[in-house]
Amino acid sequence: LNQNVNTIFGVSKTQSIVNIRTVLEKAIKMLGANGKNLYNKIDNLREEGAITEGMKIWAHALRLDGNKGTHDFEGTDKEARENLAFLRQFLDLCWTLPATIEAKKSNSIEK
């Protein structure tokens, strides 16, 4: 993650931030969040216990960075790297970890 974000995505750091926000929004929809906009959907996931308070705070920060990139065409390499790191953790916690736990439970039951 220390490399320049342009070399990761092949686009500008600002566009990288916007793309990361887009992936977060898609993931939140896949988790079944309700709400009229991303702000409400993030809060809904927290209310439903699908994400932690810390994940909610980071998701809102990523949302705001994405908005800034979309509307003001602003963003830094640091923001892009931080947002990418959070997105990876978010996806791992919401999908990879639960799948790993399920597989472990299934393997334990079979033995």
C-alpha atoms as a PDB file:
ATOM      1  CA  LEU A   1       0.000   0.000   0.000  1.00  0.00           C
ATOM      2  CA  ASN A   2       2.978   2.307   0.159  1.00  0.00           C
ATOM      3  CA  GLN A   3       3.286   2.433  -3.592  1.00  0.00           C
ATOM      4  CA  ASN A   4       1.769   5.317  -5.509  1.00  0.00           C
ATOM      5  CA  VAL A   5      -1.953   4.756  -5.916  1.00  0.00           C
ATOM      6  CA  ASN A   6      -1.712   5.606  -9.620  1.00  0.00           C
ATOM      7  CA  THR A   7       0.301   2.429 -10.139  1.00  0.00           C
ATOM      8  CA  ILE A   8      -2.326   0.364  -8.309  1.00  0.00           C
ATOM      9  CA  PHE A   9      -5.371   1.564 -10.228  1.00  0.00           C
ATOM     10  CA  GLY A  10      -3.861   3.092 -13.356  1.00  0.00           C
ATOM     11  CA  VAL A  11      -5.930   6.239 -12.756  1.00  0.00           C
ATOM     12  CA  SER A  12      -5.454   9.465 -10.823  1.00  0.00           C
ATOM     13  CA  LYS A  13      -5.502   9.457  -7.032  1.00  0.00           C
ATOM     14  CA  THR A  14      -8.782  11.382  -7.104  1.00  0.00           C
ATOM     15  CA  GLN A  15     -10.405   8.854  -9.424  1.00  0.00           C
ATOM     16  CA  SER A  16      -9.025   6.058  -7.236  1.00  0.00           C
ATOM     17  CA  ILE A  17     -10.802   7.556  -4.220  1.00  0.00           C
ATOM     18  CA  VAL A  18     -14.044   7.828  -6.191  1.00  0.00           C
ATOM     19  CA  ASN A  19     -13.693   4.201  -7.355  1.00  0.00           C
ATOM     20  CA  ILE A  20     -13.070   3.003  -3.794  1.00  0.00           C
ATOM     21  CA  ARG A  21     -16.214   4.815  -2.630  1.00  0.00           C
ATOM     22  CA  THR A  22     -18.168   3.174  -5.444  1.00  0.00           C
ATOM     23  CA  VAL A  23     -17.033  -0.283  -4.331  1.00  0.00           C
ATOM     24  CA  LEU A  24     -17.963   0.529  -0.724  1.00  0.00           C
ATOM     25  CA  GLU A  25     -21.425   1.631  -1.819  1.00  0.00           C
ATOM     26  CA  LYS A  26     -21.936  -1.568  -3.828  1.00  0.00           C
ATOM     27  CA  ALA A  27     -20.777  -3.679  -0.859  1.00  0.00           C
ATOM     28  CA  ILE A  28     -23.148  -1.865   1.478  1.00  0.00           C
ATOM     29  CA  LYS A  29     -26.038  -2.536  -0.904  1.00  0.00           C
ATOM     30  CA  MET A  30     -25.042  -6.218  -1.043  1.00  0.00           C
ATOM     31  CA  LEU A  31     -25.237  -6.330   2.758  1.00  0.00           C
ATOM     32  CA  GLY A  32     -28.903  -5.329   2.457  1.00  0.00           C
ATOM     33  CA  ALA A  33     -28.645  -1.813   3.852  1.00  0.00           C
ATOM     34  CA  ASN A  34     -31.768   0.332   3.751  1.00  0.00           C
ATOM     35  CA  GLY A  35     -31.817   4.074   3.254  1.00  0.00           C
ATOM     36  CA  LYS A  36     -32.238   6.753   0.645  1.00  0.00           C
ATOM     37  CA  ASN A  37     -28.519   7.501   0.323  1.00  0.00           C
ATOM     38  CA  LEU A  38     -25.138   6.110   1.325  1.00  0.00           C
ATOM     39  CA  TYR A  39     -25.122   8.069   4.587  1.00  0.00           C
ATOM     40  CA  ASN A  40     -28.405   6.479   5.675  1.00  0.00           C
ATOM     41  CA  LYS A  41     -27.352   3.033   4.457  1.00  0.00           C
ATOM     42  CA  ILE A  42     -24.140   3.117   6.501  1.00  0.00           C
ATOM     43  CA  ASP A  43     -26.092   4.168   9.588  1.00  0.00           C
ATOM     44  CA  ASN A  44     -28.664   1.447   8.914  1.00  0.00           C
ATOM     45  CA  LEU A  45     -25.968  -1.243   8.855  1.00  0.00           C
ATOM     46  CA  ARG A  46     -24.726  -0.014  12.228  1.00  0.00           C
ATOM     47  CA  GLU A  47     -28.247   0.067  13.688  1.00  0.00           C
ATOM     48  CA  GLU A  48     -28.789  -3.506  12.500  1.00  0.00           C
ATOM     49  CA  GLY A  49     -25.480  -4.623  14.039  1.00  0.00           C
ATOM     50  CA  ALA A  50     -23.995  -5.599  10.680  1.00  0.00           C
ATOM     51  CA  ILE A  51     -20.971  -3.328  11.217  1.00  0.00           C
ATOM     52  CA  THR A  52     -19.228  -1.936  14.272  1.00  0.00           C
ATOM     53  CA  GLU A  53     -19.199   1.700  15.342  1.00  0.00           C
ATOM     54  CA  GLY A  54     -15.599   1.981  14.171  1.00  0.00           C
ATOM     55  CA  MET A  55     -16.483   0.570  10.757  1.00  0.00           C
ATOM     56  CA  LYS A  56     -19.334   3.091  10.527  1.00  0.00           C
ATOM     57  CA  ILE A  57     -17.010   5.999  11.308  1.00  0.00           C
ATOM     58  CA  TRP A  58     -14.468   4.847   8.700  1.00  0.00           C
ATOM     59  CA  ALA A  59     -17.183   4.203   6.109  1.00  0.00           C
ATOM     60  CA  HIS A  60     -18.457   7.759   6.571  1.00  0.00           C
ATOM     61  CA  ALA A  61     -14.917   9.120   6.252  1.00  0.00           C
ATOM     62  CA  LEU A  62     -14.444   7.147   3.037  1.00  0.00           C
ATOM     63  CA  ARG A  63     -17.849   8.382   1.810  1.00  0.00           C
ATOM     64  CA  LEU A  64     -16.842  11.993   2.445  1.00  0.00           C
ATOM     65  CA  ASP A  65     -13.483  11.552   0.694  1.00  0.00           C
ATOM     66  CA  GLY A  66     -15.316  10.042  -2.271  1.00  0.00           C
ATOM     67  CA  ASN A  67     -17.747  12.953  -2.348  1.00  0.00           C
ATOM     68  CA  LYS A  68     -14.837  15.388  -2.286  1.00  0.00           C
ATOM     69  CA  GLY A  69     -13.228  13.541  -5.168  1.00  0.00           C
ATOM     70  CA  THR A  70     -16.448  13.482  -7.167  1.00  0.00           C
ATOM     71  CA  HIS A  71     -17.561  17.062  -6.624  1.00  0.00           C
ATOM     72  CA  ASP A  72     -14.351  18.982  -5.986  1.00  0.00           C
ATOM     73  CA  PHE A  73     -11.887  16.771  -7.914  1.00  0.00           C
ATOM     74  CA  GLU A  74      -9.646  16.637  -4.838  1.00  0.00           C
ATOM     75  CA  GLY A  75      -7.782  13.787  -3.214  1.00  0.00           C
ATOM     76  CA  THR A  76      -4.343  12.788  -1.997  1.00  0.00           C
ATOM     77  CA  ASP A  77      -2.273   9.635  -2.294  1.00  0.00           C
ATOM     78  CA  LYS A  78      -2.508   9.291   1.495  1.00  0.00           C
ATOM     79  CA  GLU A  79      -6.317   9.409   1.394  1.00  0.00           C
ATOM     80  CA  ALA A  80      -6.417   6.896  -1.442  1.00  0.00           C
ATOM     81  CA  ARG A  81      -4.079   4.475   0.383  1.00  0.00           C
ATOM     82  CA  GLU A  82      -5.994   4.806   3.662  1.00  0.00           C
ATOM     83  CA  ASN A  83      -9.338   4.342   1.926  1.00  0.00           C
ATOM     84  CA  LEU A  84      -8.090   1.287   0.054  1.00  0.00           C
ATOM     85  CA  ALA A  85      -6.752  -0.240   3.275  1.00  0.00           C
ATOM     86  CA  PHE A  86     -10.088   0.348   5.013  1.00  0.00           C
ATOM     87  CA  LEU A  87     -12.054  -1.043   2.075  1.00  0.00           C
ATOM     88  CA  ARG A  88      -9.979  -4.227   2.109  1.00  0.00           C
ATOM     89  CA  GLN A  89     -10.576  -4.647   5.836  1.00  0.00           C
ATOM     90  CA  PHE A  90     -14.275  -3.898   5.452  1.00  0.00           C
ATOM     91  CA  LEU A  91     -14.660  -6.534   2.734  1.00  0.00           C
ATOM     92  CA  ASP A  92     -12.626  -9.051   4.741  1.00  0.00           C
ATOM     93  CA  LEU A  93     -14.722  -8.515   7.862  1.00  0.00           C
ATOM     94  CA  CYS A  94     -18.043  -8.626   6.014  1.00  0.00           C
ATOM     95  CA  TRP A  95     -17.350 -11.559   3.674  1.00  0.00           C
ATOM     96  CA  THR A  96     -14.004 -13.314   4.059  1.00  0.00           C
ATOM     97  CA  LEU A  97     -14.027 -13.771   7.820  1.00  0.00           C
ATOM     98  CA  PRO A  98     -17.622 -15.063   8.027  1.00  0.00           C
ATOM     99  CA  ALA A  99     -16.950 -17.510   5.170  1.00  0.00           C
ATOM    100  CA  THR A 100     -13.760 -18.703   6.871  1.00  0.00           C
ATOM    101  CA  ILE A 101     -15.614 -19.209  10.155  1.00  0.00           C
ATOM    102  CA  GLU A 102     -18.391 -21.142   8.401  1.00  0.00           C
ATOM    103  CA  ALA A 103     -15.859 -23.373   6.655  1.00  0.00           C
ATOM    104  CA  LYS A 104     -14.110 -24.024   9.968  1.00  0.00           C
ATOM    105  CA  LYS A 105     -17.419 -24.871  11.641  1.00  0.00           C
ATOM    106  CA  SER A 106     -18.330 -27.226   8.809  1.00  0.00           C
ATOM    107  CA  ASN A 107     -14.941 -28.959   9.010  1.00  0.00           C
ATOM    108  CA  SER A 108     -15.250 -29.309  12.790  1.00  0.00           C
ATOM    109  CA  ILE A 109     -18.716 -30.859  12.530  1.00  0.00           C
ATOM    110  CA  GLU A 110     -17.553 -33.396   9.942  1.00  0.00           C
ATOM    111  CA  LYS A 111     -14.794 -34.726  12.212  1.00  0.00           C
END
